[in-house]
Amino acid sequence: MALPNGGGGYQVGAGNPSEAQLIVQAAPTDVTGDVTLTGAQLATGLFVVDTGADATATLPTVALTEAAIPNAEKANAAFDFSVCNKDAAYQVTIAVGTGWTLVGNMVVLENTSATFRARKTGAGAWSLYRIAG
């Protein structure tokens, strides 16, 4: 993606390449078995999985997600979240509630992590993409 000319970009901080970019990270949500996540849990952005068995983590419906993240009003609004599966023998599958479309592999294998991007595609519709891991 080309960087825009003439003031169209956004610079964080003083532009010092050795400057750390800090974010606020709430305590991660622990997943210990099959679970339907809440919008508030999804908004934390980090899930740690230790299930003791294969498990499914289901995202809330789009309506519940939008209620928890009300600033996501326009199409193409997006946020990322990560899943860290620290279980040595079991995997976790990401599933979705009503209004979502899945794009990519939604299985996080044992002892691995994955990053996902949730993107609003229209009124009452979001897509979930696996973007890393």
N, C-alpha and C. Protein backbone atom coordinates (compact mmCIF):
# COMPACT_ATOMS: atom_id res chain seq x y z
N MET A 1 0.85 -1.17 0.00
CA MET A 1 0.00 0.00 0.00
C MET A 1 0.90 1.23 0.00
N ALA A 2 0.68 2.13 -0.91
CA ALA A 2 1.47 3.36 -1.00
C ALA A 2 1.06 4.34 0.09
N LEU A 3 2.04 5.07 0.61
CA LEU A 3 1.74 6.10 1.60
C LEU A 3 1.23 7.34 0.90
N PRO A 4 0.24 8.01 1.44
CA PRO A 4 -0.32 9.19 0.80
C PRO A 4 0.64 10.38 0.87
N ASN A 5 0.54 11.27 -0.10
CA ASN A 5 1.30 12.52 -0.12
C ASN A 5 0.46 13.65 0.41
N GLY A 6 1.11 14.72 0.83
CA GLY A 6 0.41 15.96 1.14
C GLY A 6 -0.49 15.92 2.34
N GLY A 7 -0.03 15.37 3.45
CA GLY A 7 -0.81 15.44 4.68
C GLY A 7 -1.89 14.39 4.80
N GLY A 8 -1.90 13.37 3.97
CA GLY A 8 -2.95 12.36 4.06
C GLY A 8 -2.64 11.23 5.01
N GLY A 9 -1.41 11.19 5.54
CA GLY A 9 -1.03 10.10 6.43
C GLY A 9 -1.22 10.45 7.89
N TYR A 10 -0.83 9.53 8.75
CA TYR A 10 -0.95 9.72 10.19
C TYR A 10 0.32 9.23 10.84
N GLN A 11 0.97 10.05 11.62
CA GLN A 11 2.20 9.67 12.29
C GLN A 11 1.94 9.55 13.78
N VAL A 12 2.41 8.45 14.36
CA VAL A 12 2.27 8.22 15.79
C VAL A 12 3.53 8.74 16.47
N GLY A 13 3.39 9.56 17.48
CA GLY A 13 4.53 10.08 18.22
C GLY A 13 5.39 11.00 17.38
N ALA A 14 6.67 11.08 17.74
CA ALA A 14 7.60 11.97 17.07
C ALA A 14 8.20 11.32 15.82
N GLY A 15 7.83 10.10 15.52
CA GLY A 15 8.37 9.43 14.35
C GLY A 15 9.73 8.79 14.60
N ASN A 16 10.13 8.66 15.85
CA ASN A 16 11.39 8.04 16.20
C ASN A 16 11.26 6.53 16.03
N PRO A 17 12.04 5.92 15.13
CA PRO A 17 11.86 4.48 14.88
C PRO A 17 12.19 3.60 16.08
N SER A 18 12.93 4.13 17.06
CA SER A 18 13.23 3.31 18.23
C SER A 18 12.22 3.53 19.36
N GLU A 19 11.20 4.32 19.10
CA GLU A 19 10.17 4.61 20.10
C GLU A 19 9.12 3.49 20.11
N ALA A 20 8.89 2.91 21.28
CA ALA A 20 7.90 1.84 21.39
C ALA A 20 6.50 2.42 21.25
N GLN A 21 5.63 1.70 20.53
CA GLN A 21 4.22 2.09 20.45
C GLN A 21 3.49 1.37 21.57
N LEU A 22 2.95 2.13 22.49
CA LEU A 22 2.23 1.55 23.62
C LEU A 22 0.74 1.53 23.34
N ILE A 23 0.09 0.47 23.80
CA ILE A 23 -1.36 0.36 23.72
C ILE A 23 -1.87 0.03 25.11
N VAL A 24 -3.15 0.10 25.30
CA VAL A 24 -3.77 -0.34 26.53
C VAL A 24 -4.30 -1.75 26.29
N GLN A 25 -3.92 -2.68 27.13
CA GLN A 25 -4.35 -4.06 26.99
C GLN A 25 -5.02 -4.50 28.28
N ALA A 26 -6.31 -4.72 28.22
CA ALA A 26 -7.03 -5.27 29.38
C ALA A 26 -6.54 -6.69 29.64
N ALA A 27 -6.83 -7.20 30.81
CA ALA A 27 -6.48 -8.58 31.12
C ALA A 27 -7.10 -9.50 30.07
N PRO A 28 -6.36 -10.50 29.62
CA PRO A 28 -6.91 -11.38 28.60
C PRO A 28 -8.10 -12.19 29.13
N THR A 29 -8.90 -12.64 28.20
CA THR A 29 -10.02 -13.51 28.54
C THR A 29 -9.53 -14.95 28.50
N ASP A 30 -9.71 -15.69 29.59
CA ASP A 30 -9.32 -17.10 29.65
C ASP A 30 -10.44 -17.95 29.07
N VAL A 31 -10.06 -18.88 28.20
CA VAL A 31 -11.00 -19.82 27.61
C VAL A 31 -10.60 -21.20 28.10
N THR A 32 -11.51 -21.88 28.81
CA THR A 32 -11.17 -23.18 29.39
C THR A 32 -12.05 -24.31 28.87
N GLY A 33 -12.86 -24.04 27.88
CA GLY A 33 -13.71 -25.06 27.29
C GLY A 33 -14.57 -24.42 26.22
N ASP A 34 -15.56 -25.14 25.72
CA ASP A 34 -16.48 -24.53 24.75
C ASP A 34 -17.11 -23.31 25.37
N VAL A 35 -17.15 -22.20 24.61
CA VAL A 35 -17.63 -20.95 25.18
C VAL A 35 -18.24 -20.09 24.08
N THR A 36 -19.28 -19.35 24.42
CA THR A 36 -19.78 -18.28 23.57
C THR A 36 -19.32 -16.99 24.21
N LEU A 37 -18.48 -16.27 23.51
CA LEU A 37 -17.87 -15.05 24.04
C LEU A 37 -18.87 -13.91 24.04
N THR A 38 -18.67 -12.98 24.95
CA THR A 38 -19.49 -11.77 24.97
C THR A 38 -18.80 -10.69 24.14
N GLY A 39 -19.54 -9.65 23.82
CA GLY A 39 -18.95 -8.51 23.11
C GLY A 39 -17.86 -7.85 23.94
N ALA A 40 -18.05 -7.76 25.25
CA ALA A 40 -17.04 -7.16 26.13
C ALA A 40 -15.76 -7.99 26.13
N GLN A 41 -15.89 -9.30 26.14
CA GLN A 41 -14.71 -10.15 26.08
C GLN A 41 -13.99 -9.99 24.75
N LEU A 42 -14.75 -9.91 23.68
CA LEU A 42 -14.15 -9.73 22.36
C LEU A 42 -13.39 -8.42 22.28
N ALA A 43 -13.90 -7.40 22.93
CA ALA A 43 -13.26 -6.09 22.90
C ALA A 43 -11.92 -6.07 23.64
N THR A 44 -11.65 -7.05 24.54
CA THR A 44 -10.35 -7.08 25.22
C THR A 44 -9.22 -7.36 24.24
N GLY A 45 -9.51 -8.08 23.16
CA GLY A 45 -8.53 -8.30 22.11
C GLY A 45 -7.56 -9.43 22.31
N LEU A 46 -7.63 -10.15 23.43
CA LEU A 46 -6.68 -11.22 23.68
C LEU A 46 -7.34 -12.36 24.44
N PHE A 47 -7.19 -13.56 23.90
CA PHE A 47 -7.76 -14.76 24.50
C PHE A 47 -6.65 -15.77 24.76
N VAL A 48 -6.63 -16.34 25.95
CA VAL A 48 -5.68 -17.38 26.31
C VAL A 48 -6.48 -18.66 26.50
N VAL A 49 -6.11 -19.69 25.73
CA VAL A 49 -6.87 -20.93 25.72
C VAL A 49 -6.08 -22.04 26.41
N ASP A 50 -6.70 -22.72 27.33
CA ASP A 50 -6.14 -23.89 27.99
C ASP A 50 -7.32 -24.78 28.33
N THR A 51 -7.68 -25.65 27.40
CA THR A 51 -8.96 -26.34 27.48
C THR A 51 -8.92 -27.74 28.06
N GLY A 52 -7.85 -28.48 27.83
CA GLY A 52 -7.83 -29.88 28.24
C GLY A 52 -8.61 -30.77 27.30
N ALA A 53 -9.14 -30.20 26.23
CA ALA A 53 -9.88 -30.93 25.19
C ALA A 53 -10.04 -29.99 24.00
N ASP A 54 -10.33 -30.54 22.83
CA ASP A 54 -10.65 -29.67 21.70
C ASP A 54 -11.84 -28.81 22.09
N ALA A 55 -11.82 -27.55 21.68
CA ALA A 55 -12.88 -26.64 22.11
C ALA A 55 -13.28 -25.71 20.97
N THR A 56 -14.45 -25.11 21.12
CA THR A 56 -14.95 -24.11 20.19
C THR A 56 -15.23 -22.83 20.95
N ALA A 57 -14.69 -21.73 20.44
CA ALA A 57 -14.98 -20.40 20.99
C ALA A 57 -15.83 -19.68 19.96
N THR A 58 -17.06 -19.38 20.31
CA THR A 58 -18.00 -18.77 19.38
C THR A 58 -18.10 -17.28 19.67
N LEU A 59 -17.89 -16.47 18.63
CA LEU A 59 -18.03 -15.03 18.77
C LEU A 59 -19.49 -14.67 18.96
N PRO A 60 -19.77 -13.56 19.61
CA PRO A 60 -21.16 -13.14 19.77
C PRO A 60 -21.77 -12.77 18.42
N THR A 61 -23.08 -12.68 18.39
CA THR A 61 -23.73 -12.22 17.16
C THR A 61 -23.23 -10.83 16.81
N VAL A 62 -23.43 -10.43 15.56
CA VAL A 62 -23.05 -9.08 15.15
C VAL A 62 -23.77 -8.04 15.99
N ALA A 63 -25.05 -8.25 16.28
CA ALA A 63 -25.80 -7.27 17.07
C ALA A 63 -25.17 -7.09 18.44
N LEU A 64 -24.77 -8.17 19.10
CA LEU A 64 -24.13 -8.07 20.40
C LEU A 64 -22.74 -7.45 20.31
N THR A 65 -22.02 -7.77 19.24
CA THR A 65 -20.69 -7.18 19.02
C THR A 65 -20.80 -5.68 18.84
N GLU A 66 -21.74 -5.24 18.02
CA GLU A 66 -21.91 -3.80 17.78
C GLU A 66 -22.38 -3.07 19.03
N ALA A 67 -23.14 -3.73 19.88
CA ALA A 67 -23.56 -3.11 21.13
C ALA A 67 -22.36 -2.90 22.06
N ALA A 68 -21.40 -3.83 22.01
CA ALA A 68 -20.22 -3.73 22.87
C ALA A 68 -19.16 -2.79 22.30
N ILE A 69 -19.18 -2.60 20.98
CA ILE A 69 -18.20 -1.74 20.30
C ILE A 69 -18.99 -0.73 19.47
N PRO A 70 -19.65 0.24 20.12
CA PRO A 70 -20.59 1.11 19.42
C PRO A 70 -19.95 2.08 18.43
N ASN A 71 -18.64 2.32 18.52
CA ASN A 71 -18.01 3.24 17.57
C ASN A 71 -17.78 2.62 16.20
N ALA A 72 -18.03 1.36 16.06
CA ALA A 72 -17.87 0.70 14.76
C ALA A 72 -19.14 0.91 13.94
N GLU A 73 -19.35 2.15 13.52
CA GLU A 73 -20.59 2.52 12.85
C GLU A 73 -20.53 2.38 11.34
N LYS A 74 -19.37 2.59 10.75
CA LYS A 74 -19.25 2.65 9.29
C LYS A 74 -18.70 1.35 8.73
N ALA A 75 -19.08 1.07 7.49
CA ALA A 75 -18.50 -0.07 6.79
C ALA A 75 -16.99 0.12 6.73
N ASN A 76 -16.27 -0.98 6.85
CA ASN A 76 -14.81 -1.05 6.85
C ASN A 76 -14.19 -0.70 8.20
N ALA A 77 -15.00 -0.41 9.22
CA ALA A 77 -14.45 -0.33 10.57
C ALA A 77 -13.93 -1.72 10.92
N ALA A 78 -12.82 -1.79 11.62
CA ALA A 78 -12.22 -3.10 11.89
C ALA A 78 -11.47 -3.07 13.21
N PHE A 79 -11.28 -4.24 13.78
CA PHE A 79 -10.42 -4.40 14.96
C PHE A 79 -9.82 -5.79 14.90
N ASP A 80 -8.69 -5.95 15.59
CA ASP A 80 -7.99 -7.21 15.62
C ASP A 80 -8.09 -7.83 17.01
N PHE A 81 -7.98 -9.15 17.05
CA PHE A 81 -7.83 -9.85 18.33
C PHE A 81 -6.97 -11.08 18.10
N SER A 82 -6.36 -11.54 19.17
CA SER A 82 -5.46 -12.70 19.07
C SER A 82 -5.91 -13.80 20.01
N VAL A 83 -5.61 -15.02 19.59
CA VAL A 83 -5.91 -16.21 20.37
C VAL A 83 -4.60 -16.95 20.60
N CYS A 84 -4.23 -17.13 21.86
CA CYS A 84 -3.02 -17.87 22.25
C CYS A 84 -3.46 -19.20 22.83
N ASN A 85 -3.20 -20.26 22.10
CA ASN A 85 -3.58 -21.60 22.57
C ASN A 85 -2.37 -22.21 23.26
N LYS A 86 -2.37 -22.23 24.58
CA LYS A 86 -1.23 -22.79 25.30
C LYS A 86 -1.41 -24.26 25.65
N ASP A 87 -2.48 -24.86 25.18
CA ASP A 87 -2.71 -26.28 25.42
C ASP A 87 -1.78 -27.09 24.51
N ALA A 88 -1.08 -28.06 25.08
CA ALA A 88 -0.09 -28.83 24.33
C ALA A 88 -0.69 -29.93 23.46
N ALA A 89 -1.94 -30.26 23.65
CA ALA A 89 -2.49 -31.40 22.93
C ALA A 89 -3.82 -31.13 22.22
N TYR A 90 -4.40 -29.94 22.41
CA TYR A 90 -5.74 -29.72 21.89
C TYR A 90 -5.82 -28.40 21.12
N GLN A 91 -6.76 -28.35 20.21
CA GLN A 91 -6.94 -27.16 19.38
C GLN A 91 -8.24 -26.45 19.73
N VAL A 92 -8.32 -25.21 19.30
CA VAL A 92 -9.55 -24.43 19.50
C VAL A 92 -10.02 -23.94 18.14
N THR A 93 -11.30 -24.04 17.91
CA THR A 93 -11.90 -23.58 16.66
C THR A 93 -12.71 -22.33 16.94
N ILE A 94 -12.51 -21.30 16.12
CA ILE A 94 -13.28 -20.07 16.23
C ILE A 94 -14.53 -20.22 15.38
N ALA A 95 -15.68 -20.02 15.99
CA ALA A 95 -16.96 -20.07 15.29
C ALA A 95 -17.61 -18.70 15.48
N VAL A 96 -18.69 -18.45 14.76
CA VAL A 96 -19.32 -17.13 14.83
C VAL A 96 -20.82 -17.23 15.00
N GLY A 97 -21.39 -16.16 15.56
CA GLY A 97 -22.82 -16.05 15.69
C GLY A 97 -23.42 -15.43 14.43
N THR A 98 -24.70 -15.13 14.48
CA THR A 98 -25.45 -14.58 13.34
C THR A 98 -24.86 -13.27 12.86
N GLY A 99 -24.75 -13.13 11.53
CA GLY A 99 -24.29 -11.90 10.91
C GLY A 99 -22.84 -11.90 10.48
N TRP A 100 -22.09 -12.96 10.80
CA TRP A 100 -20.68 -13.06 10.47
C TRP A 100 -20.45 -13.92 9.23
N THR A 101 -19.36 -13.63 8.51
CA THR A 101 -18.84 -14.47 7.44
C THR A 101 -17.39 -14.80 7.78
N LEU A 102 -17.02 -16.05 7.67
CA LEU A 102 -15.66 -16.48 7.98
C LEU A 102 -14.80 -16.52 6.72
N VAL A 103 -13.55 -16.04 6.85
CA VAL A 103 -12.60 -16.07 5.73
C VAL A 103 -11.28 -16.62 6.27
N GLY A 104 -10.90 -17.79 5.82
CA GLY A 104 -9.63 -18.38 6.25
C GLY A 104 -9.82 -19.50 7.25
N ASN A 105 -8.70 -20.04 7.71
CA ASN A 105 -8.67 -21.15 8.64
C ASN A 105 -8.98 -20.65 10.05
N MET A 106 -9.98 -21.20 10.67
CA MET A 106 -10.41 -20.75 11.99
C MET A 106 -9.98 -21.71 13.11
N VAL A 107 -9.05 -22.60 12.82
CA VAL A 107 -8.56 -23.54 13.82
C VAL A 107 -7.19 -23.09 14.31
N VAL A 108 -7.07 -22.89 15.62
CA VAL A 108 -5.79 -22.53 16.24
C VAL A 108 -5.24 -23.81 16.86
N LEU A 109 -4.16 -24.31 16.27
CA LEU A 109 -3.60 -25.58 16.71
C LEU A 109 -2.95 -25.46 18.08
N GLU A 110 -2.65 -26.62 18.67
CA GLU A 110 -2.02 -26.66 19.98
C GLU A 110 -0.68 -25.91 19.97
N ASN A 111 -0.41 -25.22 21.08
CA ASN A 111 0.83 -24.46 21.28
C ASN A 111 1.10 -23.43 20.18
N THR A 112 0.07 -22.83 19.63
CA THR A 112 0.24 -21.79 18.62
C THR A 112 -0.67 -20.61 18.94
N SER A 113 -0.48 -19.56 18.19
CA SER A 113 -1.32 -18.37 18.31
C SER A 113 -1.80 -17.96 16.93
N ALA A 114 -2.85 -17.19 16.89
CA ALA A 114 -3.36 -16.66 15.63
C ALA A 114 -3.97 -15.29 15.88
N THR A 115 -3.89 -14.44 14.86
CA THR A 115 -4.49 -13.12 14.93
C THR A 115 -5.60 -13.04 13.90
N PHE A 116 -6.70 -12.44 14.30
CA PHE A 116 -7.87 -12.32 13.45
C PHE A 116 -8.25 -10.85 13.30
N ARG A 117 -8.83 -10.51 12.18
CA ARG A 117 -9.35 -9.16 11.96
C ARG A 117 -10.85 -9.25 11.70
N ALA A 118 -11.62 -8.52 12.50
CA ALA A 118 -13.06 -8.41 12.33
C ALA A 118 -13.32 -7.11 11.57
N ARG A 119 -14.06 -7.20 10.47
CA ARG A 119 -14.30 -6.03 9.61
C ARG A 119 -15.79 -5.91 9.31
N LYS A 120 -16.33 -4.73 9.56
CA LYS A 120 -17.74 -4.47 9.26
C LYS A 120 -17.88 -4.32 7.75
N THR A 121 -18.76 -5.11 7.16
CA THR A 121 -18.94 -5.07 5.71
C THR A 121 -20.22 -4.36 5.29
N GLY A 122 -21.11 -4.10 6.23
CA GLY A 122 -22.36 -3.43 5.93
C GLY A 122 -23.26 -3.45 7.16
N ALA A 123 -24.47 -2.99 6.98
CA ALA A 123 -25.42 -2.95 8.11
C ALA A 123 -25.69 -4.37 8.60
N GLY A 124 -25.33 -4.64 9.85
CA GLY A 124 -25.58 -5.95 10.45
C GLY A 124 -24.74 -7.07 9.89
N ALA A 125 -23.62 -6.75 9.25
CA ALA A 125 -22.79 -7.77 8.62
C ALA A 125 -21.31 -7.50 8.87
N TRP A 126 -20.61 -8.53 9.30
CA TRP A 126 -19.18 -8.45 9.54
C TRP A 126 -18.50 -9.69 8.93
N SER A 127 -17.23 -9.55 8.57
CA SER A 127 -16.41 -10.69 8.15
C SER A 127 -15.27 -10.85 9.14
N LEU A 128 -14.88 -12.10 9.38
CA LEU A 128 -13.76 -12.41 10.25
C LEU A 128 -12.68 -13.06 9.39
N TYR A 129 -11.49 -12.46 9.39
CA TYR A 129 -10.37 -12.92 8.60
C TYR A 129 -9.26 -13.41 9.51
N ARG A 130 -8.66 -14.51 9.19
CA ARG A 130 -7.43 -14.92 9.88
C ARG A 130 -6.30 -14.22 9.14
N ILE A 131 -5.55 -13.38 9.87
CA ILE A 131 -4.51 -12.60 9.18
C ILE A 131 -3.09 -13.01 9.58
N ALA A 132 -2.91 -13.81 10.60
CA ALA A 132 -1.57 -14.26 10.99
C ALA A 132 -1.69 -15.50 11.85
N GLY A 133 -0.62 -16.29 11.82
CA GLY A 133 -0.53 -17.47 12.68
C GLY A 133 -0.99 -18.73 12.06
